[in-house]
Structures are given as structure tokens and as C-alpha cells.
């Protein structure tokens, strides 16, 4: 069994899968729970790792060094 994350639009009641395909129209008033960003959201961003390293305070030279020794 697998867990599935669907996107719910409160305004329209539409439910979509992760690819944007509408699964169900107009289920207004559906109770939901906020879900933190998933790694799937970052899969489409090829610079995600670099952005995280930069946010951690690493310099471009540090990142290049990590790349050269095969850690990235």
C-alpha cells in the first residue's frame, strides 16, 4: 500500500494529482491537513541541492570542491 498526496483547491473544490490531472470536480468543504513541502516538489528543480548548500552559507568555491571530490 502506498500513500498518495493529492492537491485540493479550496476555492473550486477540485482535487488534482501531482501532475495536475483533475481527479475529482467540486468536493466543496472537504476537510484537509496542510502538508509540508515534499521532496517531489523539488525533483523538478535541478538547482535544489545548490540552493540548499548556498542557504547553509557555503561559498561557490566550497560547492565546486565538493563536486570535484564526488560528493555532489
PDB file of N, CA and C in Angstrom:
ATOM      1  N   UNK A   1       0.851  -1.178   0.000  1.00  0.00           N
ATOM      2  CA  UNK A   1       0.000   0.000   0.000  1.00  0.00           C
ATOM      3  C   UNK A   1       0.893   1.237   0.000  1.00  0.00           C
ATOM      4  N   UNK A   2       0.489   2.262  -0.722  1.00  0.00           N
ATOM      5  CA  UNK A   2       1.274   3.486  -0.827  1.00  0.00           C
ATOM      6  C   UNK A   2       0.437   4.678  -0.400  1.00  0.00           C
ATOM      7  N   UNK A   3       1.116   5.687   0.125  1.00  0.00           N
ATOM      8  CA  UNK A   3       0.465   6.943   0.482  1.00  0.00           C
ATOM      9  C   UNK A   3       0.469   7.829  -0.754  1.00  0.00           C
ATOM     10  N   UNK A   4      -0.645   8.504  -1.001  1.00  0.00           N
ATOM     11  CA  UNK A   4      -0.789   9.356  -2.175  1.00  0.00           C
ATOM     12  C   UNK A   4      -1.089  10.780  -1.707  1.00  0.00           C
ATOM     13  N   UNK A   5      -0.412  11.735  -2.302  1.00  0.00           N
ATOM     14  CA  UNK A   5      -0.659  13.137  -1.987  1.00  0.00           C
ATOM     15  C   UNK A   5      -1.412  13.741  -3.157  1.00  0.00           C
ATOM     16  N   UNK A   6      -2.567  14.320  -2.865  1.00  0.00           N
ATOM     17  CA  UNK A   6      -3.366  14.997  -3.881  1.00  0.00           C
ATOM     18  C   UNK A   6      -3.447  16.471  -3.527  1.00  0.00           C
ATOM     19  N   UNK A   7      -3.621  17.304  -4.521  1.00  0.00           N
ATOM     20  CA  UNK A   7      -3.714  18.741  -4.325  1.00  0.00           C
ATOM     21  C   UNK A   7      -5.198  19.127  -4.315  1.00  0.00           C
ATOM     22  N   UNK A   8      -5.608  19.895  -3.293  1.00  0.00           N
ATOM     23  CA  UNK A   8      -7.003  20.300  -3.142  1.00  0.00           C
ATOM     24  C   UNK A   8      -7.103  21.813  -3.241  1.00  0.00           C
ATOM     25  N   UNK A   9      -7.953  22.301  -4.135  1.00  0.00           N
ATOM     26  CA  UNK A   9      -8.186  23.740  -4.304  1.00  0.00           C
ATOM     27  C   UNK A   9      -9.440  24.103  -3.517  1.00  0.00           C
ATOM     28  N   UNK A  10      -9.255  24.833  -2.421  1.00  0.00           N
ATOM     29  CA  UNK A  10     -10.391  25.210  -1.566  1.00  0.00           C
ATOM     30  C   UNK A  10     -11.448  26.013  -2.314  1.00  0.00           C
ATOM     31  N   UNK A  11     -11.026  26.865  -3.225  1.00  0.00           N
ATOM     32  CA  UNK A  11     -11.949  27.756  -3.916  1.00  0.00           C
ATOM     33  C   UNK A  11     -12.882  26.999  -4.859  1.00  0.00           C
ATOM     34  N   UNK A  12     -12.343  26.029  -5.587  1.00  0.00           N
ATOM     35  CA  UNK A  12     -13.153  25.319  -6.582  1.00  0.00           C
ATOM     36  C   UNK A  12     -13.613  23.944  -6.106  1.00  0.00           C
ATOM     37  N   UNK A  13     -12.913  23.382  -5.121  1.00  0.00           N
ATOM     38  CA  UNK A  13     -13.233  22.037  -4.668  1.00  0.00           C
ATOM     39  C   UNK A  13     -12.606  20.960  -5.540  1.00  0.00           C
ATOM     40  N   UNK A  14     -11.794  21.359  -6.520  1.00  0.00           N
ATOM     41  CA  UNK A  14     -11.151  20.378  -7.403  1.00  0.00           C
ATOM     42  C   UNK A  14     -10.008  19.671  -6.690  1.00  0.00           C
ATOM     43  N   UNK A  15      -9.838  18.399  -7.019  1.00  0.00           N
ATOM     44  CA  UNK A  15      -8.736  17.600  -6.482  1.00  0.00           C
ATOM     45  C   UNK A  15      -7.892  17.149  -7.663  1.00  0.00           C
ATOM     46  N   UNK A  16      -6.562  17.393  -7.568  1.00  0.00           N
ATOM     47  CA  UNK A  16      -5.639  17.054  -8.650  1.00  0.00           C
ATOM     48  C   UNK A  16      -4.531  16.166  -8.125  1.00  0.00           C
ATOM     49  N   UNK A  17      -3.940  15.379  -9.032  1.00  0.00           N
ATOM     50  CA  UNK A  17      -2.769  14.597  -8.648  1.00  0.00           C
ATOM     51  C   UNK A  17      -1.522  15.468  -8.780  1.00  0.00           C
ATOM     52  N   UNK A  18      -0.353  14.902  -8.531  1.00  0.00           N
ATOM     53  CA  UNK A  18       0.886  15.663  -8.547  1.00  0.00           C
ATOM     54  C   UNK A  18       1.253  16.181  -9.943  1.00  0.00           C
ATOM     55  N   UNK A  19       0.652  15.606 -10.979  1.00  0.00           N
ATOM     56  CA  UNK A  19       0.924  16.045 -12.346  1.00  0.00           C
ATOM     57  C   UNK A  19      -0.076  17.094 -12.812  1.00  0.00           C
ATOM     58  N   UNK A  20      -1.056  17.435 -11.970  1.00  0.00           N
ATOM     59  CA  UNK A  20      -2.046  18.436 -12.329  1.00  0.00           C
ATOM     60  C   UNK A  20      -3.302  17.878 -12.978  1.00  0.00           C
ATOM     61  N   UNK A  21      -3.417  16.547 -13.038  1.00  0.00           N
ATOM     62  CA  UNK A  21      -4.605  15.921 -13.621  1.00  0.00           C
ATOM     63  C   UNK A  21      -5.738  15.999 -12.603  1.00  0.00           C
ATOM     64  N   UNK A  22      -6.882  16.533 -13.022  1.00  0.00           N
ATOM     65  CA  UNK A  22      -8.018  16.660 -12.111  1.00  0.00           C
ATOM     66  C   UNK A  22      -8.639  15.287 -11.886  1.00  0.00           C
ATOM     67  N   UNK A  23      -8.673  14.881 -10.633  1.00  0.00           N
ATOM     68  CA  UNK A  23      -9.206  13.579 -10.240  1.00  0.00           C
ATOM     69  C   UNK A  23     -10.701  13.687  -9.954  1.00  0.00           C
ATOM     70  N   UNK A  24     -11.096  14.776  -9.314  1.00  0.00           N
ATOM     71  CA  UNK A  24     -12.487  14.953  -8.906  1.00  0.00           C
ATOM     72  C   UNK A  24     -12.850  16.427  -8.985  1.00  0.00           C
ATOM     73  N   UNK A  25     -14.037  16.725  -9.468  1.00  0.00           N
ATOM     74  CA  UNK A  25     -14.522  18.109  -9.549  1.00  0.00           C
ATOM     75  C   UNK A  25     -15.439  18.405  -8.368  1.00  0.00           C
ATOM     76  N   UNK A  26     -15.278  19.566  -7.800  1.00  0.00           N
ATOM     77  CA  UNK A  26     -16.210  20.166  -6.852  1.00  0.00           C
ATOM     78  C   UNK A  26     -16.573  19.327  -5.634  1.00  0.00           C
ATOM     79  N   UNK A  27     -15.604  19.064  -4.799  1.00  0.00           N
ATOM     80  CA  UNK A  27     -15.883  18.471  -3.499  1.00  0.00           C
ATOM     81  C   UNK A  27     -15.657  19.586  -2.489  1.00  0.00           C
ATOM     82  N   UNK A  28     -16.631  20.479  -2.390  1.00  0.00           N
ATOM     83  CA  UNK A  28     -16.510  21.646  -1.530  1.00  0.00           C
ATOM     84  C   UNK A  28     -16.635  21.241  -0.067  1.00  0.00           C
ATOM     85  N   UNK A  29     -15.896  21.930   0.797  1.00  0.00           N
ATOM     86  CA  UNK A  29     -15.959  21.677   2.232  1.00  0.00           C
ATOM     87  C   UNK A  29     -15.170  20.461   2.684  1.00  0.00           C
ATOM     88  N   UNK A  30     -14.328  19.936   1.842  1.00  0.00           N
ATOM     89  CA  UNK A  30     -13.502  18.784   2.213  1.00  0.00           C
ATOM     90  C   UNK A  30     -12.551  19.175   3.336  1.00  0.00           C
ATOM     91  N   UNK A  31     -12.492  18.358   4.375  1.00  0.00           N
ATOM     92  CA  UNK A  31     -11.551  18.622   5.461  1.00  0.00           C
ATOM     93  C   UNK A  31     -10.173  18.151   5.004  1.00  0.00           C
ATOM     94  N   UNK A  32      -9.165  18.938   5.303  1.00  0.00           N
ATOM     95  CA  UNK A  32      -7.814  18.608   4.849  1.00  0.00           C
ATOM     96  C   UNK A  32      -6.797  18.987   5.907  1.00  0.00           C
ATOM     97  N   UNK A  33      -5.598  18.506   5.716  1.00  0.00           N
ATOM     98  CA  UNK A  33      -4.478  18.806   6.598  1.00  0.00           C
ATOM     99  C   UNK A  33      -3.365  19.396   5.750  1.00  0.00           C
ATOM    100  N   UNK A  34      -2.770  20.486   6.217  1.00  0.00           N
ATOM    101  CA  UNK A  34      -1.652  21.085   5.485  1.00  0.00           C
ATOM    102  C   UNK A  34      -0.479  20.102   5.512  1.00  0.00           C
ATOM    103  N   UNK A  35       0.160  19.940   4.380  1.00  0.00           N
ATOM    104  CA  UNK A  35       1.294  19.030   4.254  1.00  0.00           C
ATOM    105  C   UNK A  35       2.529  19.864   3.924  1.00  0.00           C
ATOM    106  N   UNK A  36       3.635  19.628   4.635  1.00  0.00           N
ATOM    107  CA  UNK A  36       4.848  20.379   4.301  1.00  0.00           C
ATOM    108  C   UNK A  36       5.334  20.024   2.909  1.00  0.00           C
ATOM    109  N   UNK A  37       6.169  20.900   2.354  1.00  0.00           N
ATOM    110  CA  UNK A  37       6.731  20.641   1.030  1.00  0.00           C
ATOM    111  C   UNK A  37       7.345  19.264   0.981  1.00  0.00           C
ATOM    112  N   UNK A  38       7.077  18.556  -0.089  1.00  0.00           N
ATOM    113  CA  UNK A  38       7.644  17.220  -0.229  1.00  0.00           C
ATOM    114  C   UNK A  38       8.863  17.269  -1.134  1.00  0.00           C
ATOM    115  N   UNK A  39       9.665  16.245  -1.051  1.00  0.00           N
ATOM    116  CA  UNK A  39      10.842  16.203  -1.920  1.00  0.00           C
ATOM    117  C   UNK A  39      10.420  16.143  -3.374  1.00  0.00           C
ATOM    118  N   UNK A  40       9.228  15.643  -3.643  1.00  0.00           N
ATOM    119  CA  UNK A  40       8.720  15.565  -5.018  1.00  0.00           C
ATOM    120  C   UNK A  40       8.620  16.969  -5.621  1.00  0.00           C
ATOM    121  N   UNK A  41       8.286  17.958  -4.770  1.00  0.00           N
ATOM    122  CA  UNK A  41       8.189  19.328  -5.254  1.00  0.00           C
ATOM    123  C   UNK A  41       9.526  19.829  -5.766  1.00  0.00           C
ATOM    124  N   UNK A  42      10.598  19.301  -5.236  1.00  0.00           N
ATOM    125  CA  UNK A  42      11.930  19.777  -5.596  1.00  0.00           C
ATOM    126  C   UNK A  42      12.581  18.939  -6.690  1.00  0.00           C
ATOM    127  N   UNK A  43      11.943  17.834  -7.061  1.00  0.00           N
ATOM    128  CA  UNK A  43      12.522  16.970  -8.090  1.00  0.00           C
ATOM    129  C   UNK A  43      12.654  17.720  -9.414  1.00  0.00           C
ATOM    130  N   UNK A  44      11.697  18.581  -9.699  1.00  0.00           N
ATOM    131  CA  UNK A  44      11.723  19.312 -10.965  1.00  0.00           C
ATOM    132  C   UNK A  44      12.678  20.496 -10.948  1.00  0.00           C
ATOM    133  N   UNK A  45      13.309  20.776  -9.818  1.00  0.00           N
ATOM    134  CA  UNK A  45      14.225  21.906  -9.691  1.00  0.00           C
ATOM    135  C   UNK A  45      15.661  21.384  -9.663  1.00  0.00           C
ATOM    136  N   UNK A  46      16.369  21.447 -10.798  1.00  0.00           N
ATOM    137  CA  UNK A  46      17.729  20.897 -10.849  1.00  0.00           C
ATOM    138  C   UNK A  46      18.719  21.653  -9.962  1.00  0.00           C
ATOM    139  N   UNK A  47      18.374  22.839  -9.534  1.00  0.00           N
ATOM    140  CA  UNK A  47      19.278  23.630  -8.705  1.00  0.00           C
ATOM    141  C   UNK A  47      18.965  23.495  -7.214  1.00  0.00           C
ATOM    142  N   UNK A  48      18.053  22.611  -6.850  1.00  0.00           N
ATOM    143  CA  UNK A  48      17.614  22.491  -5.464  1.00  0.00           C
ATOM    144  C   UNK A  48      18.780  22.249  -4.503  1.00  0.00           C
ATOM    145  N   UNK A  49      19.652  21.295  -4.829  1.00  0.00           N
ATOM    146  CA  UNK A  49      20.802  20.998  -3.952  1.00  0.00           C
ATOM    147  C   UNK A  49      21.692  22.221  -3.783  1.00  0.00           C
ATOM    148  N   UNK A  50      21.959  22.905  -4.894  1.00  0.00           N
ATOM    149  CA  UNK A  50      22.825  24.085  -4.838  1.00  0.00           C
ATOM    150  C   UNK A  50      22.204  25.195  -3.997  1.00  0.00           C
ATOM    151  N   UNK A  51      20.889  25.371  -4.129  1.00  0.00           N
ATOM    152  CA  UNK A  51      20.202  26.389  -3.341  1.00  0.00           C
ATOM    153  C   UNK A  51      20.285  26.073  -1.848  1.00  0.00           C
ATOM    154  N   UNK A  52      20.138  24.789  -1.507  1.00  0.00           N
ATOM    155  CA  UNK A  52      20.225  24.399  -0.100  1.00  0.00           C
ATOM    156  C   UNK A  52      21.631  24.641   0.448  1.00  0.00           C
ATOM    157  N   UNK A  53      22.656  24.274  -0.325  1.00  0.00           N
ATOM    158  CA  UNK A  53      24.032  24.480   0.117  1.00  0.00           C
ATOM    159  C   UNK A  53      24.337  25.968   0.271  1.00  0.00           C
ATOM    160  N   UNK A  54      23.859  26.772  -0.659  1.00  0.00           N
ATOM    161  CA  UNK A  54      24.072  28.220  -0.595  1.00  0.00           C
ATOM    162  C   UNK A  54      23.368  28.798   0.634  1.00  0.00           C
ATOM    163  N   UNK A  55      22.159  28.309   0.922  1.00  0.00           N
ATOM    164  CA  UNK A  55      21.411  28.772   2.101  1.00  0.00           C
ATOM    165  C   UNK A  55      22.119  28.396   3.397  1.00  0.00           C
ATOM    166  N   UNK A  56      22.928  27.329   3.353  1.00  0.00           N
ATOM    167  CA  UNK A  56      23.688  26.903   4.527  1.00  0.00           C
ATOM    168  C   UNK A  56      24.953  27.736   4.698  1.00  0.00           C
ATOM    169  N   UNK A  57      25.200  28.648   3.758  1.00  0.00           N
ATOM    170  CA  UNK A  57      26.341  29.536   3.880  1.00  0.00           C
ATOM    171  C   UNK A  57      27.583  29.074   3.133  1.00  0.00           C
ATOM    172  N   UNK A  58      27.458  28.048   2.312  1.00  0.00           N
ATOM    173  CA  UNK A  58      28.621  27.573   1.559  1.00  0.00           C
ATOM    174  C   UNK A  58      28.904  28.504   0.390  1.00  0.00           C
ATOM    175  N   UNK A  59      30.171  28.705   0.130  1.00  0.00           N
ATOM    176  CA  UNK A  59      30.569  29.553  -0.991  1.00  0.00           C
ATOM    177  C   UNK A  59      30.561  28.726  -2.279  1.00  0.00           C
ATOM    178  N   UNK A  60      30.637  29.419  -3.397  1.00  0.00           N
ATOM    179  CA  UNK A  60      30.689  28.746  -4.689  1.00  0.00           C
ATOM    180  C   UNK A  60      31.931  27.863  -4.766  1.00  0.00           C
ATOM    181  N   UNK A  61      33.044  28.344  -4.227  1.00  0.00           N
ATOM    182  CA  UNK A  61      34.281  27.556  -4.235  1.00  0.00           C
ATOM    183  C   UNK A  61      34.121  26.266  -3.427  1.00  0.00           C
ATOM    184  N   UNK A  62      33.455  26.352  -2.263  1.00  0.00           N
ATOM    185  CA  UNK A  62      33.212  25.157  -1.447  1.00  0.00           C
ATOM    186  C   UNK A  62      32.375  24.140  -2.215  1.00  0.00           C
ATOM    187  N   UNK A  63      31.359  24.635  -2.907  1.00  0.00           N
ATOM    188  CA  UNK A  63      30.479  23.756  -3.673  1.00  0.00           C
ATOM    189  C   UNK A  63      31.249  23.112  -4.816  1.00  0.00           C
ATOM    190  N   UNK A  64      32.109  23.891  -5.479  1.00  0.00           N
ATOM    191  CA  UNK A  64      32.934  23.333  -6.558  1.00  0.00           C
ATOM    192  C   UNK A  64      33.873  22.254  -6.022  1.00  0.00           C
ATOM    193  N   UNK A  65      34.444  22.486  -4.846  1.00  0.00           N
ATOM    194  CA  UNK A  65      35.325  21.494  -4.224  1.00  0.00           C
ATOM    195  C   UNK A  65      34.579  20.190  -3.943  1.00  0.00           C
ATOM    196  N   UNK A  66      33.357  20.311  -3.429  1.00  0.00           N
ATOM    197  CA  UNK A  66      32.541  19.123  -3.163  1.00  0.00           C
ATOM    198  C   UNK A  66      32.238  18.364  -4.446  1.00  0.00           C
ATOM    199  N   UNK A  67      31.979  19.091  -5.511  1.00  0.00           N
ATOM    200  CA  UNK A  67      31.710  18.482  -6.811  1.00  0.00           C
ATOM    201  C   UNK A  67      32.941  17.744  -7.323  1.00  0.00           C
ATOM    202  N   UNK A  68      34.110  18.354  -7.170  1.00  0.00           N
ATOM    203  CA  UNK A  68      35.356  17.757  -7.674  1.00  0.00           C
ATOM    204  C   UNK A  68      35.695  16.452  -6.952  1.00  0.00           C
ATOM    205  N   UNK A  69      35.393  16.363  -5.657  1.00  0.00           N
ATOM    206  CA  UNK A  69      35.718  15.138  -4.935  1.00  0.00           C
ATOM    207  C   UNK A  69      34.583  14.120  -4.973  1.00  0.00           C
ATOM    208  N   UNK A  70      33.515  14.451  -5.740  1.00  0.00           N
ATOM    209  CA  UNK A  70      32.448  13.486  -5.966  1.00  0.00           C
ATOM    210  C   UNK A  70      31.354  13.435  -4.915  1.00  0.00           C
ATOM    211  N   UNK A  71      31.262  14.438  -4.079  1.00  0.00           N
ATOM    212  CA  UNK A  71      30.220  14.443  -3.054  1.00  0.00           C
ATOM    213  C   UNK A  71      28.913  15.071  -3.553  1.00  0.00           C
ATOM    214  N   UNK A  72      28.936  15.666  -4.721  1.00  0.00           N
ATOM    215  CA  UNK A  72      27.714  16.217  -5.323  1.00  0.00           C
ATOM    216  C   UNK A  72      27.472  15.587  -6.677  1.00  0.00           C
TER     217      UNK A  72
END
